[in-house]
Amino acid sequence: MAIIEIAGLRKTYRVYQKKEGLRAALAGLFHREFRTVEAVRGIDLAVEQGEFVAFLGPNGAGKTTTLKLLSGVITPTAGTATVLGHVPWKRENAYRRRFALVMGQKNQLWWDLPAQESFRLHQQIYRIAPADFERTRDELTGLLDVRRLLGQPVRELSLGERMKMELIAALLHSPEVLFLDEPTIGLDVVAQHNVQSFLKHYQQLRKITILLTSHYMKDVAALCRRVVIISHGEIIYDGSLSGIIDRFSSDKIVTLLFADDQMPADLSRYGEELERMPPKVKLRVPRSAVARVLAQVLADHALEDVSVEDPPLEKVIADAFALGHSPLPLATAKA
């Protein structure tokens, strides 16, 4: 069953073009020039109940705009979308009680008050029964190990602790759909891992539907089986994480460990040299040439070990972003 259904969704903005200089600024009072920015260009997407979907793209690709449309913060220029059977931009109270939006760069908690006070406010806004509120609050604060911090002003918390409190506030009313926009931005490795572990556990426990945007590929690899890539407002890939490598990477990384004193100075005839730490070297080799190159290397040199790997996911994703302006057919290989 599709929880999120999008068809031909489009969002454009008119942006004022302010020219430099006093004379131009004065002229702009009487005659303004605008340009049209297409943030989202007619995307189609369906997300099933219980899916944890990564929504990836470079800055300005349309990710956050799409989440704002789905949460009803802004209205579209064209197209349709429903979430849990509701049209988001109608902003019905019945819909607001069934989803949550967490934006890593915006706070929903009162800065100078303890988080527990903001939680009480959320209880009133969402009309959560006292027993349900206390049970959910205690469950979430226990899972995130922040119960001892509830009485501490939010401004005194670390960035990682604040993000945990933001997640608790978003989940107090037990939403069925959760939109996450860069939830681990700015967090250190430990805090990222803690947030990832919580989200993975909570999603498996509650079977909620989550749409995640993130620039950290570790978030994606740890949490999501399905990945949607958007570039220049258009979806260019919708499929499995492993499928991204098959589609957007034409190379393999070959690591060669030479026997003592057997490493040649020039390996360019086998592939592009990426890293040399004698007696080990890493080469970038076209996928179609890996078997031939390995056979040739083994015939020419004595090796102690060989490994063949896919390139780093970050590199593959960056290549996918770079190709986003090209008229590629949409990939739809599902996990």
C-alpha atoms as a PDB file:
ATOM      1  CA  MET A   1       0.000   0.000   0.000  1.00  0.00           C
ATOM      2  CA  ALA A   2       1.434   3.379  -1.050  1.00  0.00           C
ATOM      3  CA  ILE A   3       1.573   5.801   1.875  1.00  0.00           C
ATOM      4  CA  ILE A   4       3.105   8.606  -0.206  1.00  0.00           C
ATOM      5  CA  GLU A   5       1.935   9.129  -3.782  1.00  0.00           C
ATOM      6  CA  ILE A   6       3.311  11.922  -5.979  1.00  0.00           C
ATOM      7  CA  ALA A   7       2.393  12.629  -9.600  1.00  0.00           C
ATOM      8  CA  GLY A   8       3.800  15.450 -11.731  1.00  0.00           C
ATOM      9  CA  LEU A   9       4.703  17.516  -8.677  1.00  0.00           C
ATOM     10  CA  ARG A  10       6.204  20.854  -9.650  1.00  0.00           C
ATOM     11  CA  LYS A  11       7.307  23.949  -7.726  1.00  0.00           C
ATOM     12  CA  THR A  12       8.600  27.147  -9.310  1.00  0.00           C
ATOM     13  CA  TYR A  13       9.620  30.460  -7.742  1.00  0.00           C
ATOM     14  CA  ARG A  14       9.932  33.981  -9.104  1.00  0.00           C
ATOM     15  CA  VAL A  15      13.217  35.366  -7.823  1.00  0.00           C
ATOM     16  CA  TYR A  16      13.940  39.095  -7.845  1.00  0.00           C
ATOM     17  CA  GLN A  17      17.164  39.954  -9.683  1.00  0.00           C
ATOM     18  CA  LYS A  18      18.749  42.788  -7.722  1.00  0.00           C
ATOM     19  CA  LYS A  19      21.434  44.628  -9.645  1.00  0.00           C
ATOM     20  CA  GLU A  20      24.546  46.143  -8.110  1.00  0.00           C
ATOM     21  CA  GLY A  21      24.865  49.851  -7.419  1.00  0.00           C
ATOM     22  CA  LEU A  22      22.732  52.689  -6.069  1.00  0.00           C
ATOM     23  CA  ARG A  23      21.307  53.705  -9.439  1.00  0.00           C
ATOM     24  CA  ALA A  24      20.220  50.163 -10.211  1.00  0.00           C
ATOM     25  CA  ALA A  25      18.696  49.834  -6.738  1.00  0.00           C
ATOM     26  CA  LEU A  26      16.649  53.009  -7.263  1.00  0.00           C
ATOM     27  CA  ALA A  27      15.547  51.855 -10.712  1.00  0.00           C
ATOM     28  CA  GLY A  28      14.468  48.591  -9.115  1.00  0.00           C
ATOM     29  CA  LEU A  29      11.883  50.474  -7.074  1.00  0.00           C
ATOM     30  CA  PHE A  30       9.947  51.142 -10.279  1.00  0.00           C
ATOM     31  CA  HIS A  31      10.879  48.271 -12.569  1.00  0.00           C
ATOM     32  CA  ARG A  32      11.857  44.901 -11.169  1.00  0.00           C
ATOM     33  CA  GLU A  33      13.349  42.009 -13.070  1.00  0.00           C
ATOM     34  CA  PHE A  34      12.592  38.442 -12.061  1.00  0.00           C
ATOM     35  CA  ARG A  35      13.759  35.019 -13.122  1.00  0.00           C
ATOM     36  CA  THR A  36      11.915  31.748 -12.709  1.00  0.00           C
ATOM     37  CA  VAL A  37      13.545  29.011 -10.656  1.00  0.00           C
ATOM     38  CA  GLU A  38      12.234  25.459 -11.070  1.00  0.00           C
ATOM     39  CA  ALA A  39      12.904  23.825  -7.704  1.00  0.00           C
ATOM     40  CA  VAL A  40      10.904  20.671  -8.497  1.00  0.00           C
ATOM     41  CA  ARG A  41      10.186  19.661 -12.086  1.00  0.00           C
ATOM     42  CA  GLY A  42       7.281  17.275 -12.283  1.00  0.00           C
ATOM     43  CA  ILE A  43       8.451  14.344 -10.157  1.00  0.00           C
ATOM     44  CA  ASP A  44       6.581  11.055  -9.721  1.00  0.00           C
ATOM     45  CA  LEU A  45       7.151   8.902  -6.645  1.00  0.00           C
ATOM     46  CA  ALA A  46       5.398   6.251  -4.561  1.00  0.00           C
ATOM     47  CA  VAL A  47       6.553   5.102  -1.113  1.00  0.00           C
ATOM     48  CA  GLU A  48       5.084   2.020   0.513  1.00  0.00           C
ATOM     49  CA  GLN A  49       4.139   1.609   4.163  1.00  0.00           C
ATOM     50  CA  GLY A  50       7.129   0.880   6.382  1.00  0.00           C
ATOM     51  CA  GLU A  51       9.782   1.877   3.826  1.00  0.00           C
ATOM     52  CA  PHE A  52      12.890   3.808   4.865  1.00  0.00           C
ATOM     53  CA  VAL A  53      13.801   5.774   1.742  1.00  0.00           C
ATOM     54  CA  ALA A  54      16.855   7.950   1.187  1.00  0.00           C
ATOM     55  CA  PHE A  55      16.161  11.070  -0.874  1.00  0.00           C
ATOM     56  CA  LEU A  56      19.508  12.260  -2.208  1.00  0.00           C
ATOM     57  CA  GLY A  57      20.744  15.092  -4.378  1.00  0.00           C
ATOM     58  CA  PRO A  58      23.221  17.964  -4.518  1.00  0.00           C
ATOM     59  CA  ASN A  59      22.478  21.317  -2.916  1.00  0.00           C
ATOM     60  CA  GLY A  60      19.617  22.992  -4.741  1.00  0.00           C
ATOM     61  CA  ALA A  61      18.380  19.733  -6.271  1.00  0.00           C
ATOM     62  CA  GLY A  62      14.880  20.037  -4.795  1.00  0.00           C
ATOM     63  CA  LYS A  63      15.075  17.635  -1.833  1.00  0.00           C
ATOM     64  CA  THR A  64      14.060  20.035   0.923  1.00  0.00           C
ATOM     65  CA  THR A  65      11.454  21.661  -1.325  1.00  0.00           C
ATOM     66  CA  THR A  66       9.855  18.246  -1.860  1.00  0.00           C
ATOM     67  CA  LEU A  67       9.776  17.556   1.889  1.00  0.00           C
ATOM     68  CA  LYS A  68       8.202  20.973   2.487  1.00  0.00           C
ATOM     69  CA  LEU A  69       5.544  20.191  -0.117  1.00  0.00           C
ATOM     70  CA  LEU A  70       4.802  16.810   1.452  1.00  0.00           C
ATOM     71  CA  SER A  71       4.556  18.346   4.911  1.00  0.00           C
ATOM     72  CA  GLY A  72       2.281  21.157   3.717  1.00  0.00           C
ATOM     73  CA  VAL A  73       4.712  23.980   4.498  1.00  0.00           C
ATOM     74  CA  ILE A  74       4.444  25.247   0.910  1.00  0.00           C
ATOM     75  CA  THR A  75       2.017  24.655  -1.955  1.00  0.00           C
ATOM     76  CA  PRO A  76       2.974  23.289  -5.399  1.00  0.00           C
ATOM     77  CA  THR A  77       2.801  25.086  -8.706  1.00  0.00           C
ATOM     78  CA  ALA A  78       1.364  21.975 -10.369  1.00  0.00           C
ATOM     79  CA  GLY A  79       0.872  18.261  -9.812  1.00  0.00           C
ATOM     80  CA  THR A  80      -0.664  16.172  -7.059  1.00  0.00           C
ATOM     81  CA  ALA A  81       0.478  14.443  -3.896  1.00  0.00           C
ATOM     82  CA  THR A  82      -1.170  12.534  -1.088  1.00  0.00           C
ATOM     83  CA  VAL A  83       0.318  11.319   2.183  1.00  0.00           C
ATOM     84  CA  LEU A  84      -1.782   8.876   4.210  1.00  0.00           C
ATOM     85  CA  GLY A  85      -4.669   9.821   1.946  1.00  0.00           C
ATOM     86  CA  HIS A  86      -4.367  13.542   2.755  1.00  0.00           C
ATOM     87  CA  VAL A  87      -3.402  16.398   0.441  1.00  0.00           C
ATOM     88  CA  PRO A  88      -0.567  17.983   2.477  1.00  0.00           C
ATOM     89  CA  TRP A  89      -1.079  21.631   1.530  1.00  0.00           C
ATOM     90  CA  LYS A  90      -4.694  21.548   2.731  1.00  0.00           C
ATOM     91  CA  ARG A  91      -3.093  21.497   6.209  1.00  0.00           C
ATOM     92  CA  GLU A  92      -5.849  19.484   7.808  1.00  0.00           C
ATOM     93  CA  ASN A  93      -5.451  18.863  11.538  1.00  0.00           C
ATOM     94  CA  ALA A  94      -6.127  15.180  10.936  1.00  0.00           C
ATOM     95  CA  TYR A  95      -3.036  15.046   8.737  1.00  0.00           C
ATOM     96  CA  ARG A  96      -0.846  17.105  11.054  1.00  0.00           C
ATOM     97  CA  ARG A  97      -1.390  14.537  13.792  1.00  0.00           C
ATOM     98  CA  ARG A  98      -0.128  11.708  11.553  1.00  0.00           C
ATOM     99  CA  PHE A  99       3.249  12.980  10.340  1.00  0.00           C
ATOM    100  CA  ALA A 100       6.337  14.775  11.650  1.00  0.00           C
ATOM    101  CA  LEU A 101       9.087  16.846  10.052  1.00  0.00           C
ATOM    102  CA  VAL A 102      12.580  17.185  11.531  1.00  0.00           C
ATOM    103  CA  MET A 103      14.987  19.627   9.898  1.00  0.00           C
ATOM    104  CA  GLY A 104      18.566  19.395  11.097  1.00  0.00           C
ATOM    105  CA  GLN A 105      19.182  23.117  10.600  1.00  0.00           C
ATOM    106  CA  LYS A 106      16.005  24.368  12.313  1.00  0.00           C
ATOM    107  CA  ASN A 107      14.899  24.071  15.937  1.00  0.00           C
ATOM    108  CA  GLN A 108      11.389  23.329  17.164  1.00  0.00           C
ATOM    109  CA  LEU A 109      12.352  23.419  20.852  1.00  0.00           C
ATOM    110  CA  TRP A 110      12.329  26.562  23.003  1.00  0.00           C
ATOM    111  CA  TRP A 111      15.981  27.597  23.285  1.00  0.00           C
ATOM    112  CA  ASP A 112      15.939  28.907  26.851  1.00  0.00           C
ATOM    113  CA  LEU A 113      13.596  26.301  28.341  1.00  0.00           C
ATOM    114  CA  PRO A 114      14.276  22.687  29.309  1.00  0.00           C
ATOM    115  CA  ALA A 115      13.232  20.202  26.654  1.00  0.00           C
ATOM    116  CA  GLN A 116      10.607  18.760  29.005  1.00  0.00           C
ATOM    117  CA  GLU A 117       8.696  22.061  28.830  1.00  0.00           C
ATOM    118  CA  SER A 118       8.641  21.939  25.021  1.00  0.00           C
ATOM    119  CA  PHE A 119       7.474  18.332  25.261  1.00  0.00           C
ATOM    120  CA  ARG A 120       4.552  19.420  27.445  1.00  0.00           C
ATOM    121  CA  LEU A 121       3.651  22.036  24.846  1.00  0.00           C
ATOM    122  CA  HIS A 122       3.646  19.341  22.160  1.00  0.00           C
ATOM    123  CA  GLN A 123       1.368  17.252  24.349  1.00  0.00           C
ATOM    124  CA  GLN A 124      -1.168  20.075  24.362  1.00  0.00           C
ATOM    125  CA  ILE A 125      -0.817  20.857  20.652  1.00  0.00           C
ATOM    126  CA  TYR A 126      -1.354  17.230  19.616  1.00  0.00           C
ATOM    127  CA  ARG A 127      -3.831  16.519  22.436  1.00  0.00           C
ATOM    128  CA  ILE A 128      -1.924  13.476  23.650  1.00  0.00           C
ATOM    129  CA  ALA A 129      -3.529  11.700  26.583  1.00  0.00           C
ATOM    130  CA  PRO A 130      -1.373  12.100  29.737  1.00  0.00           C
ATOM    131  CA  ALA A 131      -0.764   8.372  30.141  1.00  0.00           C
ATOM    132  CA  ASP A 132       0.220   7.993  26.456  1.00  0.00           C
ATOM    133  CA  PHE A 133       2.441  11.064  26.637  1.00  0.00           C
ATOM    134  CA  GLU A 134       4.342   9.852  29.686  1.00  0.00           C
ATOM    135  CA  ARG A 135       4.747   6.343  28.294  1.00  0.00           C
ATOM    136  CA  THR A 136       6.048   7.576  24.929  1.00  0.00           C
ATOM    137  CA  ARG A 137       8.305  10.219  26.486  1.00  0.00           C
ATOM    138  CA  ASP A 138       9.848   7.705  28.859  1.00  0.00           C
ATOM    139  CA  GLU A 139      10.329   5.178  26.052  1.00  0.00           C
ATOM    140  CA  LEU A 140      12.041   7.682  23.745  1.00  0.00           C
ATOM    141  CA  THR A 141      14.232   9.296  26.409  1.00  0.00           C
ATOM    142  CA  GLY A 142      15.287   5.815  27.502  1.00  0.00           C
ATOM    143  CA  LEU A 143      16.147   4.693  23.973  1.00  0.00           C
ATOM    144  CA  LEU A 144      18.185   7.855  23.387  1.00  0.00           C
ATOM    145  CA  ASP A 145      19.675   7.931  26.901  1.00  0.00           C
ATOM    146  CA  VAL A 146      18.783  11.573  27.608  1.00  0.00           C
ATOM    147  CA  ARG A 147      16.411  11.256  30.567  1.00  0.00           C
ATOM    148  CA  ARG A 148      18.919  12.995  32.846  1.00  0.00           C
ATOM    149  CA  LEU A 149      18.968  16.024  30.508  1.00  0.00           C
ATOM    150  CA  LEU A 150      15.232  16.761  30.421  1.00  0.00           C
ATOM    151  CA  GLY A 151      15.484  19.558  33.010  1.00  0.00           C
ATOM    152  CA  GLN A 152      18.469  21.259  31.368  1.00  0.00           C
ATOM    153  CA  PRO A 153      17.904  24.333  29.121  1.00  0.00           C
ATOM    154  CA  VAL A 154      18.174  23.398  25.458  1.00  0.00           C
ATOM    155  CA  ARG A 155      20.853  26.051  24.832  1.00  0.00           C
ATOM    156  CA  GLU A 156      23.159  24.215  27.262  1.00  0.00           C
ATOM    157  CA  LEU A 157      22.937  20.909  25.399  1.00  0.00           C
ATOM    158  CA  SER A 158      25.470  19.705  22.860  1.00  0.00           C
ATOM    159  CA  LEU A 159      24.447  19.560  19.195  1.00  0.00           C
ATOM    160  CA  GLY A 160      24.029  15.797  19.388  1.00  0.00           C
ATOM    161  CA  GLU A 161      21.912  16.033  22.548  1.00  0.00           C
ATOM    162  CA  ARG A 162      19.733  18.716  20.953  1.00  0.00           C
ATOM    163  CA  MET A 163      19.117  16.548  17.905  1.00  0.00           C
ATOM    164  CA  LYS A 164      18.022  13.690  20.162  1.00  0.00           C
ATOM    165  CA  MET A 165      15.560  16.040  21.854  1.00  0.00           C
ATOM    166  CA  GLU A 166      14.308  17.214  18.442  1.00  0.00           C
ATOM    167  CA  LEU A 167      13.631  13.599  17.464  1.00  0.00           C
ATOM    168  CA  ILE A 168      11.770  12.967  20.714  1.00  0.00           C
ATOM    169  CA  ALA A 169       9.603  16.059  20.173  1.00  0.00           C
ATOM    170  CA  ALA A 170       8.788  14.880  16.639  1.00  0.00           C
ATOM    171  CA  LEU A 171       7.834  11.374  17.774  1.00  0.00           C
ATOM    172  CA  LEU A 172       5.814  12.150  20.901  1.00  0.00           C
ATOM    173  CA  HIS A 173       2.521  11.943  19.003  1.00  0.00           C
ATOM    174  CA  SER A 174       3.547   8.624  17.367  1.00  0.00           C
ATOM    175  CA  PRO A 175       3.447   9.770  13.714  1.00  0.00           C
ATOM    176  CA  GLU A 176       2.960   7.246  10.934  1.00  0.00           C
ATOM    177  CA  VAL A 177       5.212   9.169   8.529  1.00  0.00           C
ATOM    178  CA  LEU A 178       8.475  10.916   9.403  1.00  0.00           C
ATOM    179  CA  PHE A 179      10.298  13.366   7.139  1.00  0.00           C
ATOM    180  CA  LEU A 180      13.954  13.841   8.094  1.00  0.00           C
ATOM    181  CA  ASP A 181      15.965  16.640   6.487  1.00  0.00           C
ATOM    182  CA  GLU A 182      19.686  16.322   7.293  1.00  0.00           C
ATOM    183  CA  PRO A 183      19.152  14.992  10.847  1.00  0.00           C
ATOM    184  CA  THR A 184      22.876  14.357  11.451  1.00  0.00           C
ATOM    185  CA  ILE A 185      24.275  17.546   9.930  1.00  0.00           C
ATOM    186  CA  GLY A 186      27.147  18.915  12.001  1.00  0.00           C
ATOM    187  CA  LEU A 187      27.235  15.943  14.393  1.00  0.00           C
ATOM    188  CA  ASP A 188      30.424  14.137  15.298  1.00  0.00           C
ATOM    189  CA  VAL A 189      30.941  10.471  14.425  1.00  0.00           C
ATOM    190  CA  VAL A 190      29.672   9.186  17.789  1.00  0.00           C
ATOM    191  CA  ALA A 191      26.533  11.348  17.699  1.00  0.00           C
ATOM    192  CA  GLN A 192      25.852  10.315  14.097  1.00  0.00           C
ATOM    193  CA  HIS A 193      26.121   6.659  15.058  1.00  0.00           C
ATOM    194  CA  ASN A 194      23.769   7.124  18.026  1.00  0.00           C
ATOM    195  CA  VAL A 195      21.123   8.843  15.893  1.00  0.00           C
ATOM    196  CA  GLN A 196      21.460   6.204  13.170  1.00  0.00           C
ATOM    197  CA  SER A 197      21.098   3.361  15.680  1.00  0.00           C
ATOM    198  CA  PHE A 198      18.018   4.950  17.231  1.00  0.00           C
ATOM    199  CA  LEU A 199      16.314   5.591  13.879  1.00  0.00           C
ATOM    200  CA  LYS A 200      16.999   2.058  12.678  1.00  0.00           C
ATOM    201  CA  HIS A 201      15.659   0.518  15.897  1.00  0.00           C
ATOM    202  CA  TYR A 202      12.616   2.791  16.102  1.00  0.00           C
ATOM    203  CA  GLN A 203      11.650   2.276  12.465  1.00  0.00           C
ATOM    204  CA  GLN A 204      11.868  -1.497  12.807  1.00  0.00           C
ATOM    205  CA  LEU A 205       9.912  -1.356  16.080  1.00  0.00           C
ATOM    206  CA  ARG A 206       7.086   0.907  14.893  1.00  0.00           C
ATOM    207  CA  LYS A 207       7.143   0.168  11.119  1.00  0.00           C
ATOM    208  CA  ILE A 208       6.706   3.847  10.327  1.00  0.00           C
ATOM    209  CA  THR A 209       7.442   5.257   6.874  1.00  0.00           C
ATOM    210  CA  ILE A 210      10.518   7.493   6.735  1.00  0.00           C
ATOM    211  CA  LEU A 211      11.833   9.745   3.970  1.00  0.00           C
ATOM    212  CA  LEU A 212      15.393  10.869   4.710  1.00  0.00           C
ATOM    213  CA  THR A 213      17.615  13.471   3.083  1.00  0.00           C
ATOM    214  CA  SER A 214      21.279  13.449   4.014  1.00  0.00           C
ATOM    215  CA  HIS A 215      24.693  14.306   2.611  1.00  0.00           C
ATOM    216  CA  TYR A 216      26.282  11.648   4.820  1.00  0.00           C
ATOM    217  CA  MET A 217      26.454   8.392   2.888  1.00  0.00           C
ATOM    218  CA  LYS A 218      26.956   6.509   6.152  1.00  0.00           C
ATOM    219  CA  ASP A 219      23.405   7.519   7.117  1.00  0.00           C
ATOM    220  CA  VAL A 220      22.125   6.095   3.859  1.00  0.00           C
ATOM    221  CA  ALA A 221      24.158   2.888   4.002  1.00  0.00           C
ATOM    222  CA  ALA A 222      23.170   2.250   7.628  1.00  0.00           C
ATOM    223  CA  LEU A 223      19.447   2.952   7.273  1.00  0.00           C
ATOM    224  CA  CYS A 224      18.058   2.712   3.755  1.00  0.00           C
ATOM    225  CA  ARG A 225      17.570  -0.083   1.257  1.00  0.00           C
ATOM    226  CA  ARG A 226      15.901   2.156  -1.311  1.00  0.00           C
ATOM    227  CA  VAL A 227      17.466   5.316  -2.698  1.00  0.00           C
ATOM    228  CA  VAL A 228      15.902   8.075  -4.778  1.00  0.00           C
ATOM    229  CA  ILE A 229      18.273  10.556  -6.424  1.00  0.00           C
ATOM    230  CA  ILE A 230      16.972  13.951  -7.487  1.00  0.00           C
ATOM    231  CA  SER A 231      18.987  16.411  -9.547  1.00  0.00           C
ATOM    232  CA  HIS A 232      17.858  19.756 -10.963  1.00  0.00           C
ATOM    233  CA  GLY A 233      14.362  19.049  -9.681  1.00  0.00           C
ATOM    234  CA  GLU A 234      14.010  15.701 -11.484  1.00  0.00           C
ATOM    235  CA  ILE A 235      14.325  12.125 -10.253  1.00  0.00           C
ATOM    236  CA  ILE A 236      17.180  10.393 -12.081  1.00  0.00           C
ATOM    237  CA  TYR A 237      17.340   7.178 -10.057  1.00  0.00           C
ATOM    238  CA  ASP A 238      14.956   5.132  -7.928  1.00  0.00           C
ATOM    239  CA  GLY A 239      16.210   1.761  -6.768  1.00  0.00           C
ATOM    240  CA  SER A 240      18.480  -0.159  -4.438  1.00  0.00           C
ATOM    241  CA  LEU A 241      21.668   1.155  -2.905  1.00  0.00           C
ATOM    242  CA  SER A 242      23.749  -1.498  -4.668  1.00  0.00           C
ATOM    243  CA  GLY A 243      22.076  -0.601  -7.950  1.00  0.00           C
ATOM    244  CA  ILE A 244      23.572   2.889  -7.791  1.00  0.00           C
ATOM    245  CA  ILE A 245      27.047   1.449  -8.198  1.00  0.00           C
ATOM    246  CA  ASP A 246      25.979  -0.710 -11.134  1.00  0.00           C
ATOM    247  CA  ARG A 247      24.333   2.240 -12.856  1.00  0.00           C
ATOM    248  CA  PHE A 248      26.661   5.156 -12.188  1.00  0.00           C
ATOM    249  CA  SER A 249      30.096   3.576 -11.771  1.00  0.00           C
ATOM    250  CA  SER A 250      32.077   2.197 -14.693  1.00  0.00           C
ATOM    251  CA  ASP A 251      35.176   1.334 -12.642  1.00  0.00           C
ATOM    252  CA  LYS A 252      36.476  -1.057  -9.996  1.00  0.00           C
ATOM    253  CA  ILE A 253      39.206  -0.491  -7.432  1.00  0.00           C
ATOM    254  CA  VAL A 254      41.911  -3.166  -7.713  1.00  0.00           C
ATOM    255  CA  THR A 255      44.386  -3.492  -4.846  1.00  0.00           C
ATOM    256  CA  LEU A 256      47.609  -5.375  -5.566  1.00  0.00           C
ATOM    257  CA  LEU A 257      50.050  -6.567  -2.911  1.00  0.00           C
ATOM    258  CA  PHE A 258      53.357  -7.373  -4.595  1.00  0.00           C
ATOM    259  CA  ALA A 259      55.941  -9.822  -3.340  1.00  0.00           C
ATOM    260  CA  ASP A 260      59.057  -8.223  -1.853  1.00  0.00           C
ATOM    261  CA  ASP A 261      61.001  -6.048  -4.309  1.00  0.00           C
ATOM    262  CA  GLN A 262      58.683  -6.997  -7.170  1.00  0.00           C
ATOM    263  CA  MET A 263      56.665  -3.780  -7.424  1.00  0.00           C
ATOM    264  CA  PRO A 264      57.311  -1.994 -10.744  1.00  0.00           C
ATOM    265  CA  ALA A 265      57.731   1.772 -10.949  1.00  0.00           C
ATOM    266  CA  ASP A 266      55.136   2.206 -13.683  1.00  0.00           C
ATOM    267  CA  LEU A 267      51.736   0.496 -13.548  1.00  0.00           C
ATOM    268  CA  SER A 268      49.869   2.812 -15.893  1.00  0.00           C
ATOM    269  CA  ARG A 269      49.343   0.092 -18.496  1.00  0.00           C
ATOM    270  CA  TYR A 270      47.125  -1.764 -16.022  1.00  0.00           C
ATOM    271  CA  GLY A 271      45.011   1.160 -14.826  1.00  0.00           C
ATOM    272  CA  GLU A 272      44.987   4.575 -13.184  1.00  0.00           C
ATOM    273  CA  GLU A 273      47.120   4.597 -10.059  1.00  0.00           C
ATOM    274  CA  LEU A 274      45.207   5.966  -7.056  1.00  0.00           C
ATOM    275  CA  GLU A 275      47.467   5.169  -4.121  1.00  0.00           C
ATOM    276  CA  ARG A 276      50.957   3.713  -3.750  1.00  0.00           C
ATOM    277  CA  MET A 277      52.234   2.346  -0.435  1.00  0.00           C
ATOM    278  CA  PRO A 278      54.897  -0.201  -1.406  1.00  0.00           C
ATOM    279  CA  PRO A 279      54.475  -3.092  -1.699  1.00  0.00           C
ATOM    280  CA  LYS A 280      50.757  -2.238  -2.087  1.00  0.00           C
ATOM    281  CA  VAL A 281      49.094  -0.181  -4.800  1.00  0.00           C
ATOM    282  CA  LYS A 282      45.512   0.732  -5.672  1.00  0.00           C
ATOM    283  CA  LEU A 283      44.398   1.064  -9.277  1.00  0.00           C
ATOM    284  CA  ARG A 284      41.210   2.273 -10.930  1.00  0.00           C
ATOM    285  CA  VAL A 285      40.321  -0.176 -13.675  1.00  0.00           C
ATOM    286  CA  PRO A 286      37.313  -0.165 -16.045  1.00  0.00           C
ATOM    287  CA  ARG A 287      34.805  -2.814 -14.931  1.00  0.00           C
ATOM    288  CA  SER A 288      34.892  -4.507 -18.306  1.00  0.00           C
ATOM    289  CA  ALA A 289      38.675  -4.809 -18.179  1.00  0.00           C
ATOM    290  CA  VAL A 290      39.162  -6.202 -14.656  1.00  0.00           C
ATOM    291  CA  ALA A 291      39.500  -9.866 -15.669  1.00  0.00           C
ATOM    292  CA  ARG A 292      41.957  -9.054 -18.469  1.00  0.00           C
ATOM    293  CA  VAL A 293      44.041  -6.734 -16.279  1.00  0.00           C
ATOM    294  CA  LEU A 294      44.275  -9.245 -13.416  1.00  0.00           C
ATOM    295  CA  ALA A 295      45.319 -12.007 -15.787  1.00  0.00           C
ATOM    296  CA  GLN A 296      48.024  -9.766 -17.243  1.00  0.00           C
ATOM    297  CA  VAL A 297      49.312  -8.630 -13.831  1.00  0.00           C
ATOM    298  CA  LEU A 298      49.493 -12.213 -12.555  1.00  0.00           C
ATOM    299  CA  ALA A 299      51.364 -13.231 -15.672  1.00  0.00           C
ATOM    300  CA  ASP A 300      53.858 -10.394 -15.335  1.00  0.00           C
ATOM    301  CA  HIS A 301      54.461 -10.192 -11.575  1.00  0.00           C
ATOM    302  CA  ALA A 302      54.541 -12.180  -8.357  1.00  0.00           C
ATOM    303  CA  LEU A 303      51.674 -11.138  -6.067  1.00  0.00           C
ATOM    304  CA  GLU A 304      50.885 -12.013  -2.470  1.00  0.00           C
ATOM    305  CA  ASP A 305      47.290 -10.756  -2.508  1.00  0.00           C
ATOM    306  CA  VAL A 306      44.674  -9.234  -4.799  1.00  0.00           C
ATOM    307  CA  SER A 307      41.328  -7.579  -4.011  1.00  0.00           C
ATOM    308  CA  VAL A 308      38.664  -6.062  -6.252  1.00  0.00           C
ATOM    309  CA  GLU A 309      36.151  -3.603  -4.768  1.00  0.00           C
ATOM    310  CA  ASP A 310      33.530  -1.141  -5.847  1.00  0.00           C
ATOM    311  CA  PRO A 311      34.554   2.520  -5.599  1.00  0.00           C
ATOM    312  CA  PRO A 312      33.505   4.417  -2.452  1.00  0.00           C
ATOM    313  CA  LEU A 313      29.788   5.150  -2.350  1.00  0.00           C
ATOM    314  CA  GLU A 314      30.471   8.873  -1.900  1.00  0.00           C
ATOM    315  CA  LYS A 315      32.388   8.922  -5.196  1.00  0.00           C
ATOM    316  CA  VAL A 316      29.641   7.052  -7.037  1.00  0.00           C
ATOM    317  CA  ILE A 317      26.947   9.364  -5.674  1.00  0.00           C
ATOM    318  CA  ALA A 318      29.010  12.405  -6.679  1.00  0.00           C
ATOM    319  CA  ASP A 319      29.296  10.981 -10.207  1.00  0.00           C
ATOM    320  CA  ALA A 320      25.531  10.445 -10.248  1.00  0.00           C
ATOM    321  CA  PHE A 321      24.970  14.080  -9.217  1.00  0.00           C
ATOM    322  CA  ALA A 322      27.342  15.236 -11.958  1.00  0.00           C
ATOM    323  CA  LEU A 323      25.388  13.263 -14.556  1.00  0.00           C
ATOM    324  CA  GLY A 324      22.078  14.598 -13.295  1.00  0.00           C
ATOM    325  CA  HIS A 325      21.826  17.233 -16.017  1.00  0.00           C
ATOM    326  CA  SER A 326      22.138  14.605 -18.755  1.00  0.00           C
ATOM    327  CA  PRO A 327      19.006  13.117 -20.341  1.00  0.00           C
ATOM    328  CA  LEU A 328      19.457   9.690 -18.766  1.00  0.00           C
ATOM    329  CA  PRO A 329      16.521   7.275 -18.641  1.00  0.00           C
ATOM    330  CA  LEU A 330      15.158   6.824 -15.116  1.00  0.00           C
ATOM    331  CA  ALA A 331      16.467   3.763 -13.309  1.00  0.00           C
ATOM    332  CA  THR A 332      13.854   1.917 -11.300  1.00  0.00           C
ATOM    333  CA  ALA A 333      15.590  -1.209 -10.068  1.00  0.00           C
ATOM    334  CA  LYS A 334      13.998  -2.002  -6.711  1.00  0.00           C
ATOM    335  CA  ALA A 335      15.698  -3.760  -3.819  1.00  0.00           C
END
